[in-house]
Amino acid sequence: MFTNMKKMIALFFLPCLFLSCSKKDPVVASFGKTRITLEEYKAAYIEHLKQPNVFDSKALREKFLDELIERRLVAAEAAAAGMAADERFQLRLEANRDKNLRERHYTQVIKPGVVYAESDLEQVYVFMNEERHLRHLYSNSREGADSLYAALQQGVRWEELARLVFADARLSASGGDLGWVAWEQLEYDLAMTAYSLPLQEYSRPVVSSYGWHILQVVDWRKMPLLSQPDYELKRRKARGVLESKLGDKAALAYIGGMMKNKKIQVYPKPLQRVGASLGPLLQRTPSTMDRMRPEQLSEMEMGRIETSLWELRQEALATLEGETLTVGQFIAALNYIPYHAVHKSLKTALDYVLRDRALTREARRMGLERDAQVRLKTELYKQNKLHMARRRDILADIEVTKAETQAYFDLQIKHQHPNTDFAEIEADLRSDLLTEKRNNTMKAYLDGLYAGKKIVKDLQPVHAWYDSVVKK
């Protein structure tokens, strides 16, 4: 429980984590002329903690520093091999830099305007100790939602309307049932509407980033009483979630105002070709886990999209205020668009990408490309991706043949388990042998990189930083 508390505190107090060190940036690892500083470690470690089922501990901090050292060494080898000059890599790097610019813009421009009263926090804390069983009706437009609301008021049954508005068979048959939903799973306006509704009553239309909704509370329940440590953690979490949701709402309003008078031109022919390729490649159903991923598409998904559309990469897909968005730039930007938007339609995905580009332009005009955190996060991304690319390159040609698998079976399995049939375990055995072979290959490669290098590590600044944050 204590390690879980540490993780939650870290995730909901990121500004505190970044600002808790002194102006002098301590070195936590060095080898040759290379230095890994505390600021670099902090930025990378916080991202690592955002992964599901990853919890802080002293052992994890030490292991993660070793991973950073490995990344730095392997990334340098990859850069020396020319991998950083790869066009796909450069497009992805540009998209990541733009994402970091937008995050810094949010911190400087939008977040300072997020204000709330302690009474708001108290209400959110109460809501986060309850759950609602919800169902909804949905429309892409305000006009459609108003029509649904008018129909309900005129006595049309909810279930009949659900069958009309939902193409999804499950939602259509269940009356738009969303199941049990926690307050923090919803966008702010949806959450406040749902958790303020009396039982069985339906709401007026409420907007979200998905569209327009009419909500109804089918049932509700309280969560079990909390222990004192859990109570403190929940209070901290409530404050972080409230600030995050209000920030998202403020950002949407800011972007909406910013985009009103923007000159946008879209080119139909390349758009049609992109849509024809993307549709079959994006069949994965969106889930709540998508929000926890810094990149919305897997390496395999991105690879398939790039391969399918690569010949179009330099074609203009749209212009924003005269600045061209190429197909290649659009593909790379998809990694930072909410997956539900990418999955929904090409138009929705393009709207998000153009909005992001408008924010990026504004961040550049503010000079945020020179910001230390933007540069640090972009460099960490570069190192991580080069490290992964080099690993894939090293391991690409490794395979295990049927003869090798048979030989291992004859030597290690057959005599100890004479009744085991080779055909029944061949696939599993080959998979295990392939993993072992890859691990041994990577170990030999890393041993060669480490040879002759004196690596000095000092984790004291890391422990002091993190422990001081947790105790606040």
Protein backbone atom coordinates (compact mmCIF):
# COMPACT_ATOMS: atom_id res chain seq x y z
CA MET A 1 0.00 0.00 0.00
CA PHE A 2 2.79 2.46 0.86
CA THR A 3 4.52 2.02 -2.50
CA ASN A 4 1.15 2.53 -4.20
CA MET A 5 0.70 5.75 -2.23
CA LYS A 6 4.12 6.95 -3.41
CA LYS A 7 3.16 6.36 -7.00
CA MET A 8 -0.14 8.21 -6.75
CA ILE A 9 1.46 11.18 -5.02
CA ALA A 10 4.05 11.33 -7.79
CA LEU A 11 1.50 11.26 -10.58
CA PHE A 12 -0.75 13.92 -9.12
CA PHE A 13 1.95 16.35 -8.04
CA LEU A 14 4.24 16.47 -11.07
CA PRO A 15 5.05 20.19 -10.74
CA CYS A 16 6.19 19.52 -7.16
CA LEU A 17 8.37 16.69 -8.38
CA PHE A 18 10.09 18.83 -10.99
CA LEU A 19 10.60 21.81 -8.72
CA SER A 20 11.77 19.98 -5.61
CA CYS A 21 15.46 19.92 -6.53
CA SER A 22 17.93 22.72 -6.05
CA LYS A 23 19.17 24.97 -8.86
CA LYS A 24 22.30 22.83 -9.10
CA ASP A 25 21.47 19.63 -10.95
CA PRO A 26 23.25 16.68 -9.27
CA VAL A 27 24.82 13.94 -11.39
CA VAL A 28 23.38 10.49 -10.63
CA ALA A 29 25.49 8.51 -13.11
CA SER A 30 28.60 9.15 -15.21
CA PHE A 31 30.71 7.19 -17.66
CA GLY A 32 33.44 8.79 -19.74
CA LYS A 33 32.25 12.27 -20.72
CA THR A 34 28.59 11.28 -20.39
CA ARG A 35 26.47 12.48 -17.45
CA ILE A 36 22.94 11.56 -16.36
CA THR A 37 21.58 14.28 -14.11
CA LEU A 38 18.84 14.20 -11.51
CA GLU A 39 16.54 16.30 -13.74
CA GLU A 40 16.93 13.80 -16.57
CA TYR A 41 16.30 10.91 -14.19
CA LYS A 42 13.21 12.59 -12.73
CA ALA A 43 11.63 13.30 -16.12
CA ALA A 44 12.15 9.71 -17.29
CA TYR A 45 11.17 8.07 -13.98
CA ILE A 46 7.88 9.96 -13.71
CA GLU A 47 6.90 8.70 -17.18
CA HIS A 48 7.89 5.19 -16.13
CA LEU A 49 5.63 5.35 -13.06
CA LYS A 50 2.63 6.17 -15.24
CA GLN A 51 2.64 2.65 -16.62
CA PRO A 52 0.03 0.26 -15.17
CA ASN A 53 1.24 -1.89 -12.25
CA VAL A 54 4.52 0.00 -11.85
CA PHE A 55 5.11 1.17 -8.27
CA ASP A 56 7.95 3.12 -6.75
CA SER A 57 10.54 1.45 -4.53
CA LYS A 58 14.25 1.92 -3.88
CA ALA A 59 14.95 -1.25 -5.83
CA LEU A 60 12.96 0.05 -8.81
CA ARG A 61 14.82 3.40 -8.72
CA GLU A 62 18.15 1.58 -8.84
CA LYS A 63 17.01 -0.73 -11.64
CA PHE A 64 15.67 2.22 -13.61
CA LEU A 65 18.99 4.05 -13.40
CA ASP A 66 20.67 0.99 -14.92
CA GLU A 67 18.06 1.10 -17.71
CA LEU A 68 18.82 4.78 -18.37
CA ILE A 69 22.54 4.02 -18.62
CA GLU A 70 21.82 1.19 -21.05
CA ARG A 71 19.54 3.44 -23.11
CA ARG A 72 22.18 6.14 -23.36
CA LEU A 73 24.89 3.71 -24.49
CA VAL A 74 22.72 1.89 -27.03
CA ALA A 75 21.22 5.14 -28.35
CA ALA A 76 24.71 6.49 -29.00
CA GLU A 77 25.52 3.34 -31.00
CA ALA A 78 22.27 3.73 -32.96
CA ALA A 79 23.03 7.36 -33.76
CA ALA A 80 26.54 6.42 -34.90
CA ALA A 81 24.95 3.82 -37.20
CA GLY A 82 22.82 6.56 -38.84
CA MET A 83 19.48 5.53 -37.36
CA ALA A 84 18.69 9.07 -36.17
CA ALA A 85 18.67 10.25 -39.80
CA ASP A 86 15.88 7.83 -40.78
CA GLU A 87 12.91 9.77 -42.19
CA ARG A 88 10.30 7.87 -40.19
CA PHE A 89 12.30 8.46 -37.04
CA GLN A 90 12.56 12.19 -37.78
CA LEU A 91 8.80 12.50 -38.33
CA ARG A 92 8.10 10.78 -35.02
CA LEU A 93 10.68 12.92 -33.24
CA GLU A 94 9.08 16.08 -34.63
CA ALA A 95 5.64 14.91 -33.44
CA ASN A 96 7.00 14.23 -29.96
CA ARG A 97 8.69 17.64 -29.78
CA ASP A 98 5.39 19.26 -30.77
CA LYS A 99 3.58 17.31 -28.04
CA ASN A 100 6.11 18.51 -25.46
CA LEU A 101 5.63 22.08 -26.68
CA ARG A 102 1.87 21.81 -26.20
CA GLU A 103 2.28 20.41 -22.71
CA ARG A 104 4.54 23.33 -21.77
CA HIS A 105 2.07 25.77 -23.34
CA TYR A 106 -0.67 24.25 -21.19
CA THR A 107 1.45 24.67 -18.06
CA GLN A 108 2.23 28.31 -18.78
CA VAL A 109 -0.97 29.56 -20.42
CA ILE A 110 -3.97 27.42 -19.50
CA LYS A 111 -3.24 25.82 -16.13
CA PRO A 112 -2.77 29.13 -14.24
CA GLY A 113 -6.41 29.92 -15.04
CA VAL A 114 -7.70 26.71 -13.45
CA VAL A 115 -9.24 27.71 -10.13
CA TYR A 116 -11.62 25.96 -7.75
CA ALA A 117 -12.93 26.34 -4.23
CA GLU A 118 -12.26 23.93 -1.37
CA SER A 119 -15.98 23.15 -1.46
CA ASP A 120 -15.49 21.85 -5.01
CA LEU A 121 -12.73 19.57 -3.76
CA GLU A 122 -14.94 18.33 -0.93
CA GLN A 123 -17.69 17.48 -3.41
CA VAL A 124 -15.29 15.67 -5.73
CA TYR A 125 -13.87 13.70 -2.79
CA VAL A 126 -17.39 12.55 -1.91
CA PHE A 127 -18.10 11.62 -5.53
CA MET A 128 -14.85 9.64 -5.77
CA ASN A 129 -16.09 7.42 -2.94
CA GLU A 130 -19.23 6.55 -4.88
CA GLU A 131 -20.10 4.93 -8.19
CA ARG A 132 -22.96 5.41 -10.64
CA HIS A 133 -24.56 2.87 -12.96
CA LEU A 134 -25.19 4.96 -16.06
CA ARG A 135 -26.80 4.76 -19.44
CA HIS A 136 -26.74 7.42 -22.14
CA LEU A 137 -28.12 8.56 -25.45
CA TYR A 138 -25.63 10.05 -27.86
CA SER A 139 -25.53 12.46 -30.80
CA ASN A 140 -22.73 14.07 -32.79
CA SER A 141 -24.50 17.44 -32.70
CA ARG A 142 -26.31 19.71 -30.26
CA GLU A 143 -29.33 19.73 -32.58
CA GLY A 144 -29.52 15.93 -32.53
CA ALA A 145 -29.24 15.82 -28.73
CA ASP A 146 -31.96 18.47 -28.39
CA SER A 147 -34.24 16.35 -30.59
CA LEU A 148 -33.61 13.31 -28.39
CA TYR A 149 -34.34 15.34 -25.26
CA ALA A 150 -37.59 16.67 -26.77
CA ALA A 151 -38.62 13.12 -27.69
CA LEU A 152 -38.07 11.96 -24.11
CA GLN A 153 -40.17 14.83 -22.81
CA GLN A 154 -42.93 13.86 -25.23
CA GLY A 155 -43.02 10.34 -23.81
CA VAL A 156 -40.91 8.36 -26.29
CA ARG A 157 -39.35 5.42 -24.48
CA TRP A 158 -35.61 5.61 -23.78
CA GLU A 159 -35.06 2.10 -25.20
CA GLU A 160 -36.67 3.05 -28.53
CA LEU A 161 -34.36 6.05 -28.89
CA ALA A 162 -31.31 3.96 -28.01
CA ARG A 163 -32.14 1.54 -30.83
CA LEU A 164 -32.24 4.51 -33.20
CA VAL A 165 -29.02 6.26 -32.19
CA PHE A 166 -26.58 3.39 -31.56
CA ALA A 167 -25.07 1.36 -34.38
CA ASP A 168 -23.25 -0.74 -31.78
CA ALA A 169 -25.43 -3.82 -31.15
CA ARG A 170 -24.65 -3.99 -27.43
CA LEU A 171 -25.47 -0.34 -26.76
CA SER A 172 -28.56 -0.51 -28.95
CA ALA A 173 -29.91 -3.57 -27.13
CA SER A 174 -29.00 -2.35 -23.63
CA GLY A 175 -30.40 1.17 -23.92
CA GLY A 176 -26.94 2.74 -24.09
CA ASP A 177 -25.84 1.07 -20.85
CA LEU A 178 -22.37 2.15 -19.63
CA GLY A 179 -22.26 -0.05 -16.54
CA TRP A 180 -20.77 1.12 -13.24
CA VAL A 181 -18.70 4.25 -13.81
CA ALA A 182 -16.38 6.04 -11.38
CA TRP A 183 -16.38 9.84 -11.26
CA GLU A 184 -12.76 10.04 -12.42
CA GLN A 185 -13.50 7.97 -15.55
CA LEU A 186 -15.65 10.76 -17.01
CA GLU A 187 -14.85 14.19 -18.40
CA TYR A 188 -15.61 16.97 -15.91
CA ASP A 189 -19.02 18.13 -17.21
CA LEU A 190 -20.20 14.56 -17.75
CA ALA A 191 -18.99 13.56 -14.29
CA MET A 192 -20.63 16.49 -12.49
CA THR A 193 -23.87 15.99 -14.41
CA ALA A 194 -24.02 12.25 -13.77
CA TYR A 195 -23.16 12.47 -10.09
CA SER A 196 -25.65 15.31 -9.45
CA LEU A 197 -28.61 13.57 -11.11
CA PRO A 198 -31.39 12.05 -8.95
CA LEU A 199 -31.92 8.34 -9.44
CA GLN A 200 -33.78 7.38 -12.67
CA GLU A 201 -33.99 10.99 -13.94
CA TYR A 202 -32.37 11.98 -17.20
CA SER A 203 -30.21 15.03 -17.85
CA ARG A 204 -30.37 17.82 -20.36
CA PRO A 205 -27.88 17.41 -23.23
CA VAL A 206 -24.28 17.75 -22.02
CA VAL A 207 -21.24 18.10 -24.25
CA SER A 208 -17.97 16.13 -24.16
CA SER A 209 -15.01 15.75 -26.50
CA TYR A 210 -16.90 12.81 -28.06
CA GLY A 211 -20.15 14.69 -28.82
CA TRP A 212 -23.42 15.27 -26.95
CA HIS A 213 -24.98 13.01 -24.32
CA ILE A 214 -28.16 12.60 -22.32
CA LEU A 215 -27.39 10.71 -19.11
CA GLN A 216 -29.54 8.66 -16.75
CA VAL A 217 -28.53 7.16 -13.39
CA VAL A 218 -29.83 3.59 -13.15
CA ASP A 219 -28.35 2.90 -9.70
CA TRP A 220 -25.66 4.16 -7.31
CA ARG A 221 -23.52 2.83 -4.46
CA LYS A 222 -21.00 4.02 -1.91
CA MET A 223 -17.50 2.59 -1.64
CA PRO A 224 -16.34 0.89 1.61
CA LEU A 225 -15.06 3.06 4.47
CA LEU A 226 -11.40 4.00 4.08
CA SER A 227 -8.49 3.57 6.45
CA GLN A 228 -6.59 6.72 7.44
CA PRO A 229 -3.71 6.16 4.94
CA ASP A 230 -6.26 5.43 2.19
CA TYR A 231 -8.20 8.54 3.15
CA GLU A 232 -5.11 10.75 2.81
CA LEU A 233 -4.23 9.17 -0.52
CA LYS A 234 -7.77 9.60 -1.81
CA ARG A 235 -7.81 13.26 -0.78
CA ARG A 236 -4.55 13.90 -2.65
CA LYS A 237 -5.84 11.99 -5.63
CA ALA A 238 -9.13 13.94 -5.63
CA ARG A 239 -7.27 17.23 -5.81
CA GLY A 240 -5.09 15.99 -8.66
CA VAL A 241 -8.03 14.57 -10.62
CA LEU A 242 -10.10 17.73 -10.13
CA GLU A 243 -7.25 19.95 -11.33
CA SER A 244 -6.65 17.66 -14.32
CA LYS A 245 -10.30 17.58 -15.38
CA LEU A 246 -10.79 21.32 -14.97
CA GLY A 247 -7.57 21.78 -16.95
CA ASP A 248 -8.90 19.58 -19.75
CA LYS A 249 -12.13 21.59 -19.82
CA ALA A 250 -10.23 24.88 -19.89
CA ALA A 251 -7.97 23.57 -22.66
CA LEU A 252 -10.95 22.57 -24.83
CA ALA A 253 -12.49 26.02 -24.36
CA TYR A 254 -9.17 27.71 -25.18
CA ILE A 255 -8.68 25.60 -28.31
CA GLY A 256 -12.27 26.17 -29.42
CA GLY A 257 -11.83 29.92 -29.23
CA MET A 258 -8.45 29.78 -30.92
CA MET A 259 -9.74 27.77 -33.91
CA LYS A 260 -12.77 29.97 -34.73
CA ASN A 261 -11.05 32.19 -37.27
CA LYS A 262 -8.32 29.88 -38.50
CA LYS A 263 -7.98 29.44 -42.26
CA ILE A 264 -8.00 25.72 -43.03
CA GLN A 265 -7.89 24.00 -46.40
CA VAL A 266 -8.24 20.22 -46.79
CA TYR A 267 -7.24 18.32 -49.95
CA PRO A 268 -9.91 15.71 -50.77
CA LYS A 269 -7.93 13.24 -52.91
CA PRO A 270 -5.10 12.45 -50.47
CA LEU A 271 -7.67 12.54 -47.64
CA GLN A 272 -9.70 9.82 -49.37
CA ARG A 273 -6.60 7.68 -49.91
CA VAL A 274 -5.55 8.09 -46.27
CA GLY A 275 -9.05 7.17 -45.09
CA ALA A 276 -9.16 4.07 -47.28
CA SER A 277 -5.91 2.83 -45.75
CA LEU A 278 -6.54 3.83 -42.13
CA GLY A 279 -9.98 2.26 -41.76
CA PRO A 280 -8.90 -1.39 -41.98
CA LEU A 281 -5.83 -0.73 -39.79
CA LEU A 282 -7.66 0.79 -36.81
CA GLN A 283 -10.11 -1.92 -35.78
CA ARG A 284 -9.00 -2.15 -32.13
CA THR A 285 -11.83 -1.08 -29.83
CA PRO A 286 -11.05 1.98 -27.68
CA SER A 287 -10.76 1.36 -23.93
CA THR A 288 -10.19 3.30 -20.71
CA MET A 289 -6.60 1.98 -20.69
CA ASP A 290 -5.83 4.13 -23.75
CA ARG A 291 -5.74 7.22 -21.51
CA MET A 292 -2.84 5.76 -19.55
CA ARG A 293 -0.63 5.39 -22.61
CA PRO A 294 1.67 8.30 -23.58
CA GLU A 295 1.51 7.06 -27.17
CA GLN A 296 -1.92 6.00 -28.38
CA LEU A 297 -0.79 3.58 -31.08
CA SER A 298 1.43 0.55 -30.62
CA GLU A 299 4.70 0.17 -32.50
CA MET A 300 3.01 -2.46 -34.67
CA GLU A 301 0.04 -0.20 -35.46
CA MET A 302 2.29 2.74 -36.32
CA GLY A 303 4.47 0.52 -38.49
CA ARG A 304 1.48 -0.76 -40.46
CA ILE A 305 0.10 2.74 -40.99
CA GLU A 306 3.49 4.10 -42.09
CA THR A 307 4.02 1.21 -44.49
CA SER A 308 0.53 1.54 -45.97
CA LEU A 309 0.79 5.30 -46.57
CA TRP A 310 4.52 5.87 -46.96
CA GLU A 311 4.41 6.69 -50.67
CA LEU A 312 2.04 9.57 -49.83
CA ARG A 313 4.12 10.95 -46.96
CA GLN A 314 5.16 14.18 -48.72
CA GLU A 315 1.73 14.98 -50.15
CA ALA A 316 -0.20 17.90 -48.64
CA LEU A 317 -3.20 16.71 -46.65
CA ALA A 318 -4.29 20.14 -45.37
CA THR A 319 -3.05 23.65 -44.66
CA LEU A 320 -3.53 25.69 -41.50
CA GLU A 321 -2.95 29.42 -41.91
CA GLY A 322 -0.90 28.60 -45.00
CA GLU A 323 1.31 26.03 -43.22
CA THR A 324 1.20 22.60 -44.88
CA LEU A 325 0.34 19.40 -43.02
CA THR A 326 1.77 16.47 -44.98
CA VAL A 327 0.50 12.92 -44.82
CA GLY A 328 3.74 11.91 -43.10
CA GLN A 329 3.29 14.57 -40.41
CA PHE A 330 -0.34 13.53 -39.95
CA ILE A 331 0.63 9.88 -39.44
CA ALA A 332 3.23 10.77 -36.81
CA ALA A 333 0.77 13.10 -35.03
CA LEU A 334 -1.79 10.28 -34.65
CA ASN A 335 0.33 8.89 -31.80
CA TYR A 336 -0.76 11.80 -29.60
CA ILE A 337 -4.44 12.00 -30.58
CA PRO A 338 -6.86 10.20 -28.21
CA TYR A 339 -7.38 6.78 -29.72
CA HIS A 340 -11.17 7.06 -29.49
CA ALA A 341 -10.95 10.06 -31.86
CA VAL A 342 -8.65 8.26 -34.31
CA HIS A 343 -10.92 5.20 -34.23
CA LYS A 344 -14.09 7.26 -34.64
CA SER A 345 -13.41 8.80 -38.06
CA LEU A 346 -10.70 10.33 -40.22
CA LYS A 347 -12.44 13.72 -39.97
CA THR A 348 -12.33 13.63 -36.17
CA ALA A 349 -8.67 12.61 -36.19
CA LEU A 350 -7.79 15.40 -38.66
CA ASP A 351 -9.68 17.97 -36.54
CA TYR A 352 -7.60 16.95 -33.51
CA VAL A 353 -4.34 17.09 -35.46
CA LEU A 354 -5.09 20.56 -36.84
CA ARG A 355 -6.05 21.82 -33.37
CA ASP A 356 -2.79 20.46 -32.01
CA ARG A 357 -0.82 22.14 -34.79
CA ALA A 358 -2.45 25.48 -33.97
CA LEU A 359 -1.39 25.10 -30.32
CA THR A 360 2.11 24.07 -31.39
CA ARG A 361 2.40 27.19 -33.57
CA GLU A 362 1.42 29.35 -30.62
CA ALA A 363 3.92 27.59 -28.35
CA ARG A 364 6.69 28.23 -30.88
CA ARG A 365 5.77 31.90 -31.12
CA MET A 366 6.21 32.03 -27.35
CA GLY A 367 9.74 30.67 -27.74
CA LEU A 368 8.99 27.45 -25.85
CA GLU A 369 11.29 25.42 -28.11
CA ARG A 370 14.11 26.78 -25.94
CA ASP A 371 12.40 25.66 -22.73
CA ALA A 372 14.60 23.28 -20.70
CA GLN A 373 11.80 20.78 -19.99
CA VAL A 374 10.75 20.64 -23.65
CA ARG A 375 14.32 19.96 -24.74
CA LEU A 376 14.89 17.40 -21.98
CA LYS A 377 11.72 15.41 -22.69
CA THR A 378 12.39 15.43 -26.42
CA GLU A 379 15.95 14.20 -25.89
CA LEU A 380 14.73 11.40 -23.60
CA TYR A 381 12.21 10.33 -26.23
CA LYS A 382 14.96 10.35 -28.87
CA GLN A 383 17.24 8.19 -26.73
CA ASN A 384 14.45 5.73 -25.94
CA LYS A 385 13.38 5.32 -29.57
CA LEU A 386 16.96 4.95 -30.80
CA HIS A 387 17.56 2.36 -28.10
CA MET A 388 14.48 0.40 -29.20
CA ALA A 389 15.41 0.67 -32.88
CA ARG A 390 18.93 -0.61 -32.22
CA ARG A 391 17.59 -3.54 -30.19
CA ARG A 392 15.22 -4.48 -33.01
CA ASP A 393 18.10 -4.26 -35.48
CA ILE A 394 20.33 -6.51 -33.38
CA LEU A 395 17.62 -9.10 -32.78
CA ALA A 396 15.95 -9.00 -36.20
CA ASP A 397 17.72 -12.01 -37.73
CA ILE A 398 17.69 -14.26 -34.67
CA GLU A 399 15.59 -17.38 -35.09
CA VAL A 400 15.27 -20.90 -33.75
CA THR A 401 15.03 -23.72 -36.26
CA LYS A 402 12.99 -26.89 -35.94
CA ALA A 403 16.26 -28.86 -35.79
CA GLU A 404 17.46 -26.78 -32.80
CA THR A 405 14.13 -27.25 -31.06
CA GLN A 406 14.21 -31.01 -31.69
CA ALA A 407 17.78 -31.24 -30.42
CA TYR A 408 16.88 -29.39 -27.20
CA PHE A 409 13.87 -31.67 -26.73
CA ASP A 410 15.99 -34.80 -27.20
CA LEU A 411 18.65 -33.62 -24.74
CA GLN A 412 16.59 -31.91 -22.05
CA ILE A 413 13.02 -33.19 -22.19
CA LYS A 414 12.74 -36.61 -23.76
CA HIS A 415 14.62 -38.63 -21.13
CA GLN A 416 13.02 -36.89 -18.15
CA HIS A 417 9.49 -36.99 -19.60
CA PRO A 418 9.34 -39.96 -21.97
CA ASN A 419 5.57 -39.69 -22.47
CA THR A 420 5.74 -36.10 -23.74
CA ASP A 421 5.05 -35.71 -27.43
CA PHE A 422 7.38 -33.29 -29.24
CA ALA A 423 4.63 -31.97 -31.52
CA GLU A 424 2.49 -30.95 -28.54
CA ILE A 425 5.13 -28.67 -27.00
CA GLU A 426 7.13 -27.66 -30.07
CA ALA A 427 5.63 -24.16 -30.39
CA ASP A 428 6.09 -23.32 -26.70
CA LEU A 429 9.57 -24.80 -26.67
CA ARG A 430 10.63 -22.80 -29.73
CA SER A 431 9.24 -19.61 -28.16
CA ASP A 432 11.22 -20.21 -24.96
CA LEU A 433 14.40 -20.94 -26.89
CA LEU A 434 13.94 -17.82 -29.02
CA THR A 435 13.56 -15.67 -25.90
CA GLU A 436 16.67 -17.21 -24.38
CA LYS A 437 18.64 -16.71 -27.58
CA ARG A 438 17.60 -13.07 -27.83
CA ASN A 439 18.45 -12.43 -24.18
CA ASN A 440 21.90 -13.98 -24.61
CA THR A 441 22.52 -11.99 -27.81
CA MET A 442 21.54 -8.73 -26.13
CA LYS A 443 23.63 -9.52 -23.07
CA ALA A 444 26.70 -10.18 -25.20
CA TYR A 445 26.14 -6.92 -27.09
CA LEU A 446 25.76 -4.92 -23.86
CA ASP A 447 28.81 -6.59 -22.30
CA GLY A 448 30.78 -5.31 -25.27
CA LEU A 449 29.44 -1.78 -24.79
CA TYR A 450 30.21 -1.77 -21.06
CA ALA A 451 33.70 -3.21 -21.52
CA GLY A 452 36.37 -0.75 -20.43
CA LYS A 453 33.86 1.84 -19.20
CA LYS A 454 34.00 2.99 -15.61
CA ILE A 455 30.42 3.69 -14.54
CA VAL A 456 29.89 5.73 -11.38
CA LYS A 457 26.38 5.79 -9.87
CA ASP A 458 25.05 7.97 -7.05
CA LEU A 459 21.42 7.29 -6.15
CA GLN A 460 21.43 9.38 -2.99
CA PRO A 461 20.01 12.48 -4.77
CA VAL A 462 17.27 10.28 -6.30
CA HIS A 463 16.21 8.79 -2.95
CA ALA A 464 16.37 12.18 -1.21
CA TRP A 465 14.25 13.81 -3.92
CA TYR A 466 11.54 11.17 -4.06
CA ASP A 467 11.32 10.55 -0.32
CA SER A 468 11.02 14.30 0.35
CA VAL A 469 8.08 14.51 -2.05
CA VAL A 470 6.28 11.53 -0.51
CA LYS A 471 6.54 12.98 3.01
CA LYS A 472 4.88 16.27 2.03
